[in-house]
Amino acid sequence: MSRARKLGIWAGVLGPLGVVLVVAALVSLWTGYHGTTVAGDSMSPTYTQGQQLVYERMDGTGVRRGDVVLYSAPERYQGAVVMQRVIGVGGDHIVCCTGEGRG
């Protein structure tokens, strides 16, 4: 078997395999990850206004204290996506301090 024939066989096998892998990677990125642009400066200096971010959609079970999350609150922000840092998770008790002490 000539060298050109072997190269043709390898190209016939690896070419379609490479295309399948690229398509699978693109579909995975397209369905699991999304992009957004930071609209305000409330998260600075961690994230600055105009910075582009890639995020993964997930349910609430994987969220921990300190994570940055995007969510929508239509009753408060007219359906806009909001970015905030998680300070508490289910079961936590949050206490706020007033000017006169704890409240």
PDB file of N, CA and C in Angstrom:
ATOM      1  N   MET A   1       0.852  -1.165   0.000  1.00  0.00           N
ATOM      2  CA  MET A   1       0.000   0.000   0.000  1.00  0.00           C
ATOM      3  C   MET A   1       0.908   1.241   0.000  1.00  0.00           C
ATOM      4  N   SER A   2       0.618   2.164  -0.862  1.00  0.00           N
ATOM      5  CA  SER A   2       1.467   3.348  -0.986  1.00  0.00           C
ATOM      6  C   SER A   2       1.212   4.320   0.163  1.00  0.00           C
ATOM      7  N   ARG A   3       2.173   5.181   0.332  1.00  0.00           N
ATOM      8  CA  ARG A   3       2.075   6.184   1.403  1.00  0.00           C
ATOM      9  C   ARG A   3       0.898   7.134   1.162  1.00  0.00           C
ATOM     10  N   ALA A   4       0.659   7.522  -0.066  1.00  0.00           N
ATOM     11  CA  ALA A   4      -0.457   8.416  -0.392  1.00  0.00           C
ATOM     12  C   ALA A   4      -1.789   7.734  -0.090  1.00  0.00           C
ATOM     13  N   ARG A   5      -1.880   6.450  -0.344  1.00  0.00           N
ATOM     14  CA  ARG A   5      -3.119   5.712  -0.068  1.00  0.00           C
ATOM     15  C   ARG A   5      -3.387   5.662   1.438  1.00  0.00           C
ATOM     16  N   LYS A   6      -2.336   5.395   2.236  1.00  0.00           N
ATOM     17  CA  LYS A   6      -2.484   5.367   3.697  1.00  0.00           C
ATOM     18  C   LYS A   6      -2.906   6.732   4.225  1.00  0.00           C
ATOM     19  N   LEU A   7      -2.301   7.783   3.676  1.00  0.00           N
ATOM     20  CA  LEU A   7      -2.651   9.129   4.087  1.00  0.00           C
ATOM     21  C   LEU A   7      -4.103   9.448   3.740  1.00  0.00           C
ATOM     22  N   GLY A   8      -4.562   8.988   2.603  1.00  0.00           N
ATOM     23  CA  GLY A   8      -5.952   9.191   2.203  1.00  0.00           C
ATOM     24  C   GLY A   8      -6.924   8.473   3.125  1.00  0.00           C
ATOM     25  N   ILE A   9      -6.574   7.273   3.546  1.00  0.00           N
ATOM     26  CA  ILE A   9      -7.426   6.515   4.468  1.00  0.00           C
ATOM     27  C   ILE A   9      -7.505   7.239   5.818  1.00  0.00           C
ATOM     28  N   TRP A  10      -6.339   7.687   6.335  1.00  0.00           N
ATOM     29  CA  TRP A  10      -6.326   8.411   7.607  1.00  0.00           C
ATOM     30  C   TRP A  10      -7.141   9.695   7.518  1.00  0.00           C
ATOM     31  N   ALA A  11      -7.018  10.398   6.412  1.00  0.00           N
ATOM     32  CA  ALA A  11      -7.775  11.633   6.232  1.00  0.00           C
ATOM     33  C   ALA A  11      -9.270  11.332   6.158  1.00  0.00           C
ATOM     34  N   GLY A  12      -9.638  10.228   5.527  1.00  0.00           N
ATOM     35  CA  GLY A  12     -11.042   9.840   5.433  1.00  0.00           C
ATOM     36  C   GLY A  12     -11.641   9.454   6.771  1.00  0.00           C
ATOM     37  N   VAL A  13     -10.818   8.976   7.683  1.00  0.00           N
ATOM     38  CA  VAL A  13     -11.302   8.596   9.010  1.00  0.00           C
ATOM     39  C   VAL A  13     -11.262   9.788   9.975  1.00  0.00           C
ATOM     40  N   LEU A  14     -10.127  10.480  10.020  1.00  0.00           N
ATOM     41  CA  LEU A  14      -9.952  11.558  10.996  1.00  0.00           C
ATOM     42  C   LEU A  14     -10.683  12.841  10.616  1.00  0.00           C
ATOM     43  N   GLY A  15     -10.866  13.099   9.336  1.00  0.00           N
ATOM     44  CA  GLY A  15     -11.575  14.308   8.906  1.00  0.00           C
ATOM     45  C   GLY A  15     -12.995  14.365   9.440  1.00  0.00           C
ATOM     46  N   PRO A  16     -13.836  13.376   9.127  1.00  0.00           N
ATOM     47  CA  PRO A  16     -15.201  13.390   9.658  1.00  0.00           C
ATOM     48  C   PRO A  16     -15.252  13.331  11.189  1.00  0.00           C
ATOM     49  N   LEU A  17     -14.324  12.592  11.790  1.00  0.00           N
ATOM     50  CA  LEU A  17     -14.277  12.530  13.252  1.00  0.00           C
ATOM     51  C   LEU A  17     -13.999  13.918  13.836  1.00  0.00           C
ATOM     52  N   GLY A  18     -13.085  14.654  13.241  1.00  0.00           N
ATOM     53  CA  GLY A  18     -12.790  16.009  13.688  1.00  0.00           C
ATOM     54  C   GLY A  18     -13.987  16.925  13.537  1.00  0.00           C
ATOM     55  N   VAL A  19     -14.707  16.801  12.427  1.00  0.00           N
ATOM     56  CA  VAL A  19     -15.900  17.623  12.208  1.00  0.00           C
ATOM     57  C   VAL A  19     -16.950  17.320  13.265  1.00  0.00           C
ATOM     58  N   VAL A  20     -17.155  16.034  13.565  1.00  0.00           N
ATOM     59  CA  VAL A  20     -18.130  15.639  14.582  1.00  0.00           C
ATOM     60  C   VAL A  20     -17.733  16.210  15.942  1.00  0.00           C
ATOM     61  N   LEU A  21     -16.460  16.144  16.302  1.00  0.00           N
ATOM     62  CA  LEU A  21     -16.011  16.668  17.588  1.00  0.00           C
ATOM     63  C   LEU A  21     -16.180  18.185  17.676  1.00  0.00           C
ATOM     64  N   VAL A  22     -15.887  18.896  16.597  1.00  0.00           N
ATOM     65  CA  VAL A  22     -16.055  20.351  16.595  1.00  0.00           C
ATOM     66  C   VAL A  22     -17.527  20.713  16.726  1.00  0.00           C
ATOM     67  N   VAL A  23     -18.393  20.036  15.992  1.00  0.00           N
ATOM     68  CA  VAL A  23     -19.829  20.315  16.074  1.00  0.00           C
ATOM     69  C   VAL A  23     -20.340  20.016  17.485  1.00  0.00           C
ATOM     70  N   ALA A  24     -19.922  18.910  18.073  1.00  0.00           N
ATOM     71  CA  ALA A  24     -20.350  18.564  19.433  1.00  0.00           C
ATOM     72  C   ALA A  24     -19.881  19.610  20.438  1.00  0.00           C
ATOM     73  N   ALA A  25     -18.660  20.095  20.290  1.00  0.00           N
ATOM     74  CA  ALA A  25     -18.151  21.124  21.200  1.00  0.00           C
ATOM     75  C   ALA A  25     -18.940  22.420  21.053  1.00  0.00           C
ATOM     76  N   LEU A  26     -19.247  22.807  19.826  1.00  0.00           N
ATOM     77  CA  LEU A  26     -20.016  24.028  19.605  1.00  0.00           C
ATOM     78  C   LEU A  26     -21.430  23.915  20.157  1.00  0.00           C
ATOM     79  N   VAL A  27     -22.071  22.772  19.977  1.00  0.00           N
ATOM     80  CA  VAL A  27     -23.418  22.574  20.518  1.00  0.00           C
ATOM     81  C   VAL A  27     -23.382  22.616  22.040  1.00  0.00           C
ATOM     82  N   SER A  28     -22.369  22.003  22.633  1.00  0.00           N
ATOM     83  CA  SER A  28     -22.236  22.020  24.091  1.00  0.00           C
ATOM     84  C   SER A  28     -22.061  23.442  24.603  1.00  0.00           C
ATOM     85  N   LEU A  29     -21.224  24.210  23.954  1.00  0.00           N
ATOM     86  CA  LEU A  29     -21.034  25.600  24.362  1.00  0.00           C
ATOM     87  C   LEU A  29     -22.290  26.420  24.135  1.00  0.00           C
ATOM     88  N   TRP A  30     -22.968  26.180  23.039  1.00  0.00           N
ATOM     89  CA  TRP A  30     -24.147  26.965  22.687  1.00  0.00           C
ATOM     90  C   TRP A  30     -25.301  26.699  23.641  1.00  0.00           C
ATOM     91  N   THR A  31     -25.478  25.467  24.076  1.00  0.00           N
ATOM     92  CA  THR A  31     -26.603  25.140  24.943  1.00  0.00           C
ATOM     93  C   THR A  31     -26.287  25.322  26.422  1.00  0.00           C
ATOM     94  N   GLY A  32     -25.045  25.188  26.836  1.00  0.00           N
ATOM     95  CA  GLY A  32     -24.713  25.252  28.255  1.00  0.00           C
ATOM     96  C   GLY A  32     -24.182  26.588  28.718  1.00  0.00           C
ATOM     97  N   TYR A  33     -23.591  27.329  27.822  1.00  0.00           N
ATOM     98  CA  TYR A  33     -22.964  28.588  28.198  1.00  0.00           C
ATOM     99  C   TYR A  33     -23.580  29.735  27.408  1.00  0.00           C
ATOM    100  N   HIS A  34     -23.627  30.893  28.023  1.00  0.00           N
ATOM    101  CA  HIS A  34     -24.201  32.077  27.395  1.00  0.00           C
ATOM    102  C   HIS A  34     -23.302  33.263  27.707  1.00  0.00           C
ATOM    103  N   GLY A  35     -23.519  34.357  27.019  1.00  0.00           N
ATOM    104  CA  GLY A  35     -22.707  35.546  27.242  1.00  0.00           C
ATOM    105  C   GLY A  35     -23.567  36.732  27.616  1.00  0.00           C
ATOM    106  N   THR A  36     -22.967  37.677  28.317  1.00  0.00           N
ATOM    107  CA  THR A  36     -23.645  38.911  28.690  1.00  0.00           C
ATOM    108  C   THR A  36     -22.607  40.006  28.856  1.00  0.00           C
ATOM    109  N   THR A  37     -23.071  41.222  28.910  1.00  0.00           N
ATOM    110  CA  THR A  37     -22.208  42.378  29.139  1.00  0.00           C
ATOM    111  C   THR A  37     -22.632  43.042  30.441  1.00  0.00           C
ATOM    112  N   VAL A  38     -21.668  43.403  31.268  1.00  0.00           N
ATOM    113  CA  VAL A  38     -21.955  44.050  32.544  1.00  0.00           C
ATOM    114  C   VAL A  38     -22.496  45.450  32.257  1.00  0.00           C
ATOM    115  N   ALA A  39     -23.694  45.747  32.780  1.00  0.00           N
ATOM    116  CA  ALA A  39     -24.358  47.012  32.472  1.00  0.00           C
ATOM    117  C   ALA A  39     -24.067  48.117  33.488  1.00  0.00           C
ATOM    118  N   GLY A  40     -23.772  47.769  34.711  1.00  0.00           N
ATOM    119  CA  GLY A  40     -23.562  48.783  35.747  1.00  0.00           C
ATOM    120  C   GLY A  40     -22.230  48.583  36.440  1.00  0.00           C
ATOM    121  N   ASP A  41     -21.986  49.387  37.466  1.00  0.00           N
ATOM    122  CA  ASP A  41     -20.723  49.278  38.191  1.00  0.00           C
ATOM    123  C   ASP A  41     -20.907  48.786  39.625  1.00  0.00           C
ATOM    124  N   SER A  42     -22.040  48.136  39.906  1.00  0.00           N
ATOM    125  CA  SER A  42     -22.299  47.679  41.271  1.00  0.00           C
ATOM    126  C   SER A  42     -21.376  46.537  41.695  1.00  0.00           C
ATOM    127  N   MET A  43     -20.756  45.838  40.758  1.00  0.00           N
ATOM    128  CA  MET A  43     -19.862  44.726  41.094  1.00  0.00           C
ATOM    129  C   MET A  43     -18.393  45.111  40.969  1.00  0.00           C
ATOM    130  N   SER A  44     -18.084  46.392  40.786  1.00  0.00           N
ATOM    131  CA  SER A  44     -16.691  46.791  40.658  1.00  0.00           C
ATOM    132  C   SER A  44     -16.006  46.689  42.019  1.00  0.00           C
ATOM    133  N   PRO A  45     -14.781  46.394  42.120  1.00  0.00           N
ATOM    134  CA  PRO A  45     -13.794  46.260  41.063  1.00  0.00           C
ATOM    135  C   PRO A  45     -13.710  44.863  40.446  1.00  0.00           C
ATOM    136  N   THR A  46     -14.522  43.902  40.917  1.00  0.00           N
ATOM    137  CA  THR A  46     -14.462  42.550  40.364  1.00  0.00           C
ATOM    138  C   THR A  46     -14.848  42.538  38.892  1.00  0.00           C
ATOM    139  N   TYR A  47     -15.959  43.166  38.557  1.00  0.00           N
ATOM    140  CA  TYR A  47     -16.427  43.258  37.178  1.00  0.00           C
ATOM    141  C   TYR A  47     -16.686  44.728  36.873  1.00  0.00           C
ATOM    142  N   THR A  48     -16.189  45.192  35.745  1.00  0.00           N
ATOM    143  CA  THR A  48     -16.344  46.596  35.385  1.00  0.00           C
ATOM    144  C   THR A  48     -17.419  46.752  34.318  1.00  0.00           C
ATOM    145  N   GLN A  49     -17.980  47.940  34.237  1.00  0.00           N
ATOM    146  CA  GLN A  49     -19.037  48.215  33.273  1.00  0.00           C
ATOM    147  C   GLN A  49     -18.503  48.013  31.852  1.00  0.00           C
ATOM    148  N   GLY A  50     -19.287  47.303  31.041  1.00  0.00           N
ATOM    149  CA  GLY A  50     -18.908  47.018  29.666  1.00  0.00           C
ATOM    150  C   GLY A  50     -18.133  45.727  29.492  1.00  0.00           C
ATOM    151  N   GLN A  51     -17.708  45.101  30.573  1.00  0.00           N
ATOM    152  CA  GLN A  51     -16.958  43.856  30.492  1.00  0.00           C
ATOM    153  C   GLN A  51     -17.869  42.744  29.997  1.00  0.00           C
ATOM    154  N   GLN A  52     -17.356  41.880  29.119  1.00  0.00           N
ATOM    155  CA  GLN A  52     -18.144  40.775  28.595  1.00  0.00           C
ATOM    156  C   GLN A  52     -17.846  39.516  29.407  1.00  0.00           C
ATOM    157  N   LEU A  53     -18.914  38.800  29.764  1.00  0.00           N
ATOM    158  CA  LEU A  53     -18.794  37.607  30.593  1.00  0.00           C
ATOM    159  C   LEU A  53     -19.422  36.414  29.903  1.00  0.00           C
ATOM    160  N   VAL A  54     -18.918  35.230  30.201  1.00  0.00           N
ATOM    161  CA  VAL A  54     -19.523  33.975  29.781  1.00  0.00           C
ATOM    162  C   VAL A  54     -19.993  33.275  31.044  1.00  0.00           C
ATOM    163  N   TYR A  55     -21.234  32.831  31.054  1.00  0.00           N
ATOM    164  CA  TYR A  55     -21.770  32.178  32.239  1.00  0.00           C
ATOM    165  C   TYR A  55     -22.431  30.859  31.867  1.00  0.00           C
ATOM    166  N   GLU A  56     -22.551  29.992  32.861  1.00  0.00           N
ATOM    167  CA  GLU A  56     -23.182  28.682  32.696  1.00  0.00           C
ATOM    168  C   GLU A  56     -24.518  28.685  33.427  1.00  0.00           C
ATOM    169  N   ARG A  57     -25.547  28.225  32.750  1.00  0.00           N
ATOM    170  CA  ARG A  57     -26.860  28.108  33.390  1.00  0.00           C
ATOM    171  C   ARG A  57     -26.859  26.863  34.268  1.00  0.00           C
ATOM    172  N   MET A  58     -27.395  27.006  35.479  1.00  0.00           N
ATOM    173  CA  MET A  58     -27.482  25.874  36.406  1.00  0.00           C
ATOM    174  C   MET A  58     -28.632  26.113  37.360  1.00  0.00           C
ATOM    175  N   ASP A  59     -29.024  25.064  38.072  1.00  0.00           N
ATOM    176  CA  ASP A  59     -30.089  25.244  39.060  1.00  0.00           C
ATOM    177  C   ASP A  59     -29.482  25.750  40.366  1.00  0.00           C
ATOM    178  N   GLY A  60     -30.310  26.053  41.326  1.00  0.00           N
ATOM    179  CA  GLY A  60     -29.849  26.662  42.563  1.00  0.00           C
ATOM    180  C   GLY A  60     -29.108  25.747  43.500  1.00  0.00           C
ATOM    181  N   THR A  61     -29.087  24.449  43.251  1.00  0.00           N
ATOM    182  CA  THR A  61     -28.445  23.523  44.186  1.00  0.00           C
ATOM    183  C   THR A  61     -26.926  23.668  44.189  1.00  0.00           C
ATOM    184  N   GLY A  62     -26.345  24.188  43.109  1.00  0.00           N
ATOM    185  CA  GLY A  62     -24.895  24.315  43.038  1.00  0.00           C
ATOM    186  C   GLY A  62     -24.368  25.655  43.512  1.00  0.00           C
ATOM    187  N   VAL A  63     -25.235  26.548  43.969  1.00  0.00           N
ATOM    188  CA  VAL A  63     -24.821  27.894  44.364  1.00  0.00           C
ATOM    189  C   VAL A  63     -24.321  27.879  45.805  1.00  0.00           C
ATOM    190  N   ARG A  64     -23.160  28.526  46.019  1.00  0.00           N
ATOM    191  CA  ARG A  64     -22.563  28.602  47.362  1.00  0.00           C
ATOM    192  C   ARG A  64     -22.306  30.063  47.722  1.00  0.00           C
ATOM    193  N   ARG A  65     -22.064  30.318  48.994  1.00  0.00           N
ATOM    194  CA  ARG A  65     -21.737  31.678  49.444  1.00  0.00           C
ATOM    195  C   ARG A  65     -20.503  32.172  48.709  1.00  0.00           C
ATOM    196  N   GLY A  66     -20.563  33.419  48.262  1.00  0.00           N
ATOM    197  CA  GLY A  66     -19.438  34.017  47.556  1.00  0.00           C
ATOM    198  C   GLY A  66     -19.532  33.910  46.047  1.00  0.00           C
ATOM    199  N   ASP A  67     -20.401  33.042  45.540  1.00  0.00           N
ATOM    200  CA  ASP A  67     -20.581  32.923  44.090  1.00  0.00           C
ATOM    201  C   ASP A  67     -21.242  34.183  43.541  1.00  0.00           C
ATOM    202  N   VAL A  68     -20.979  34.468  42.287  1.00  0.00           N
ATOM    203  CA  VAL A  68     -21.667  35.560  41.596  1.00  0.00           C
ATOM    204  C   VAL A  68     -22.746  34.920  40.732  1.00  0.00           C
ATOM    205  N   VAL A  69     -23.971  35.403  40.853  1.00  0.00           N
ATOM    206  CA  VAL A  69     -25.096  34.824  40.120  1.00  0.00           C
ATOM    207  C   VAL A  69     -25.788  35.893  39.284  1.00  0.00           C
ATOM    208  N   LEU A  70     -26.401  35.455  38.208  1.00  0.00           N
ATOM    209  CA  LEU A  70     -27.269  36.297  37.383  1.00  0.00           C
ATOM    210  C   LEU A  70     -28.681  35.772  37.543  1.00  0.00           C
ATOM    211  N   TYR A  71     -29.616  36.662  37.756  1.00  0.00           N
ATOM    212  CA  TYR A  71     -31.009  36.249  37.884  1.00  0.00           C
ATOM    213  C   TYR A  71     -31.902  37.361  37.388  1.00  0.00           C
ATOM    214  N   SER A  72     -33.163  37.025  37.149  1.00  0.00           N
ATOM    215  CA  SER A  72     -34.118  38.066  36.754  1.00  0.00           C
ATOM    216  C   SER A  72     -35.164  38.204  37.853  1.00  0.00           C
ATOM    217  N   ALA A  73     -35.527  39.432  38.139  1.00  0.00           N
ATOM    218  CA  ALA A  73     -36.564  39.751  39.117  1.00  0.00           C
ATOM    219  C   ALA A  73     -37.508  40.748  38.458  1.00  0.00           C
ATOM    220  N   PRO A  74     -38.475  40.249  37.668  1.00  0.00           N
ATOM    221  CA  PRO A  74     -39.317  41.149  36.875  1.00  0.00           C
ATOM    222  C   PRO A  74     -40.086  42.151  37.716  1.00  0.00           C
ATOM    223  N   GLU A  75     -40.480  41.786  38.920  1.00  0.00           N
ATOM    224  CA  GLU A  75     -41.252  42.709  39.753  1.00  0.00           C
ATOM    225  C   GLU A  75     -40.400  43.864  40.284  1.00  0.00           C
ATOM    226  N   ARG A  76     -39.087  43.708  40.255  1.00  0.00           N
ATOM    227  CA  ARG A  76     -38.220  44.748  40.793  1.00  0.00           C
ATOM    228  C   ARG A  76     -37.387  45.455  39.726  1.00  0.00           C
ATOM    229  N   TYR A  77     -36.921  44.719  38.728  1.00  0.00           N
ATOM    230  CA  TYR A  77     -36.011  45.277  37.739  1.00  0.00           C
ATOM    231  C   TYR A  77     -36.579  45.251  36.318  1.00  0.00           C
ATOM    232  N   GLN A  78     -37.868  45.177  36.164  1.00  0.00           N
ATOM    233  CA  GLN A  78     -38.555  45.170  34.871  1.00  0.00           C
ATOM    234  C   GLN A  78     -38.002  44.104  33.921  1.00  0.00           C
ATOM    235  N   GLY A  79     -37.677  42.937  34.452  1.00  0.00           N
ATOM    236  CA  GLY A  79     -37.232  41.820  33.636  1.00  0.00           C
ATOM    237  C   GLY A  79     -35.768  41.831  33.265  1.00  0.00           C
ATOM    238  N   ALA A  80     -35.012  42.843  33.675  1.00  0.00           N
ATOM    239  CA  ALA A  80     -33.581  42.888  33.360  1.00  0.00           C
ATOM    240  C   ALA A  80     -32.837  41.839  34.184  1.00  0.00           C
ATOM    241  N   VAL A  81     -31.751  41.338  33.634  1.00  0.00           N
ATOM    242  CA  VAL A  81     -30.917  40.374  34.348  1.00  0.00           C
ATOM    243  C   VAL A  81     -30.041  41.138  35.330  1.00  0.00           C
ATOM    244  N   VAL A  82     -29.967  40.641  36.566  1.00  0.00           N
ATOM    245  CA  VAL A  82     -29.237  41.301  37.647  1.00  0.00           C
ATOM    246  C   VAL A  82     -28.081  40.410  38.081  1.00  0.00           C
ATOM    247  N   MET A  83     -26.917  41.010  38.335  1.00  0.00           N
ATOM    248  CA  MET A  83     -25.754  40.267  38.810  1.00  0.00           C
ATOM    249  C   MET A  83     -25.477  40.663  40.251  1.00  0.00           C
ATOM    250  N   GLN A  84     -25.402  39.661  41.139  1.00  0.00           N
ATOM    251  CA  GLN A  84     -25.091  39.929  42.540  1.00  0.00           C
ATOM    252  C   GLN A  84     -24.286  38.772  43.114  1.00  0.00           C
ATOM    253  N   ARG A  85     -23.601  39.060  44.217  1.00  0.00           N
ATOM    254  CA  ARG A  85     -22.833  38.035  44.921  1.00  0.00           C
ATOM    255  C   ARG A  85     -23.728  37.381  45.965  1.00  0.00           C
ATOM    256  N   VAL A  86     -23.617  36.066  46.120  1.00  0.00           N
ATOM    257  CA  VAL A  86     -24.426  35.312  47.078  1.00  0.00           C
ATOM    258  C   VAL A  86     -23.848  35.519  48.475  1.00  0.00           C
ATOM    259  N   ILE A  87     -24.686  35.984  49.402  1.00  0.00           N
ATOM    260  CA  ILE A  87     -24.234  36.164  50.782  1.00  0.00           C
ATOM    261  C   ILE A  87     -24.880  35.159  51.720  1.00  0.00           C
ATOM    262  N   GLY A  88     -25.911  34.483  51.269  1.00  0.00           N
ATOM    263  CA  GLY A  88     -26.576  33.498  52.103  1.00  0.00           C
ATOM    264  C   GLY A  88     -27.270  32.467  51.244  1.00  0.00           C
ATOM    265  N   VAL A  89     -27.392  31.264  51.770  1.00  0.00           N
ATOM    266  CA  VAL A  89     -28.082  30.176  51.087  1.00  0.00           C
ATOM    267  C   VAL A  89     -29.189  29.660  51.992  1.00  0.00           C
ATOM    268  N   GLY A  90     -30.007  28.767  51.499  1.00  0.00           N
ATOM    269  CA  GLY A  90     -31.132  28.244  52.261  1.00  0.00           C
ATOM    270  C   GLY A  90     -30.741  27.749  53.636  1.00  0.00           C
ATOM    271  N   GLY A  91     -31.458  28.187  54.645  1.00  0.00           N
ATOM    272  CA  GLY A  91     -31.187  27.782  56.015  1.00  0.00           C
ATOM    273  C   GLY A  91     -30.340  28.778  56.793  1.00  0.00           C
ATOM    274  N   ASP A  92     -29.723  29.744  56.112  1.00  0.00           N
ATOM    275  CA  ASP A  92     -28.924  30.763  56.793  1.00  0.00           C
ATOM    276  C   ASP A  92     -29.835  31.792  57.445  1.00  0.00           C
ATOM    277  N   HIS A  93     -29.355  32.398  58.517  1.00  0.00           N
ATOM    278  CA  HIS A  93     -30.061  33.495  59.180  1.00  0.00           C
ATOM    279  C   HIS A  93     -29.213  34.744  59.006  1.00  0.00           C
ATOM    280  N   ILE A  94     -29.767  35.774  58.382  1.00  0.00           N
ATOM    281  CA  ILE A  94     -29.055  37.011  58.106  1.00  0.00           C
ATOM    282  C   ILE A  94     -29.455  38.054  59.142  1.00  0.00           C
ATOM    283  N   VAL A  95     -28.469  38.726  59.720  1.00  0.00           N
ATOM    284  CA  VAL A  95     -28.714  39.769  60.703  1.00  0.00           C
ATOM    285  C   VAL A  95     -28.114  41.047  60.154  1.00  0.00           C
ATOM    286  N   CYS A  96     -28.881  42.131  60.238  1.00  0.00           N
ATOM    287  CA  CYS A  96     -28.429  43.416  59.734  1.00  0.00           C
ATOM    288  C   CYS A  96     -28.190  44.357  60.913  1.00  0.00           C
ATOM    289  N   CYS A  97     -27.160  45.139  60.820  1.00  0.00           N
ATOM    290  CA  CYS A  97     -26.836  46.104  61.879  1.00  0.00           C
ATOM    291  C   CYS A  97     -27.357  47.471  61.484  1.00  0.00           C
ATOM    292  N   THR A  98     -28.001  48.154  62.428  1.00  0.00           N
ATOM    293  CA  THR A  98     -28.463  49.526  62.211  1.00  0.00           C
ATOM    294  C   THR A  98     -27.470  50.478  62.856  1.00  0.00           C
ATOM    295  N   GLY A  99     -27.713  51.775  62.752  1.00  0.00           N
ATOM    296  CA  GLY A  99     -26.821  52.762  63.352  1.00  0.00           C
ATOM    297  C   GLY A  99     -26.762  52.673  64.864  1.00  0.00           C
ATOM    298  N   GLU A 100     -27.824  52.172  65.495  1.00  0.00           N
ATOM    299  CA  GLU A 100     -27.884  52.074  66.946  1.00  0.00           C
ATOM    300  C   GLU A 100     -27.396  50.726  67.459  1.00  0.00           C
ATOM    301  N   GLY A 101     -26.993  49.849  66.577  1.00  0.00           N
ATOM    302  CA  GLY A 101     -26.592  48.515  67.001  1.00  0.00           C
ATOM    303  C   GLY A 101     -27.275  47.482  66.125  1.00  0.00           C
ATOM    304  N   ARG A 102     -27.388  46.306  66.653  1.00  0.00           N
ATOM    305  CA  ARG A 102     -28.013  45.240  65.869  1.00  0.00           C
ATOM    306  C   ARG A 102     -29.497  45.432  65.772  1.00  0.00           C
ATOM    307  N   GLY A 103     -30.046  45.076  64.600  1.00  0.00           N
ATOM    308  CA  GLY A 103     -31.474  45.239  64.404  1.00  0.00           C
ATOM    309  C   GLY A 103     -32.088  44.057  63.714  1.00  0.00           C
TER     310      GLY A 103
END
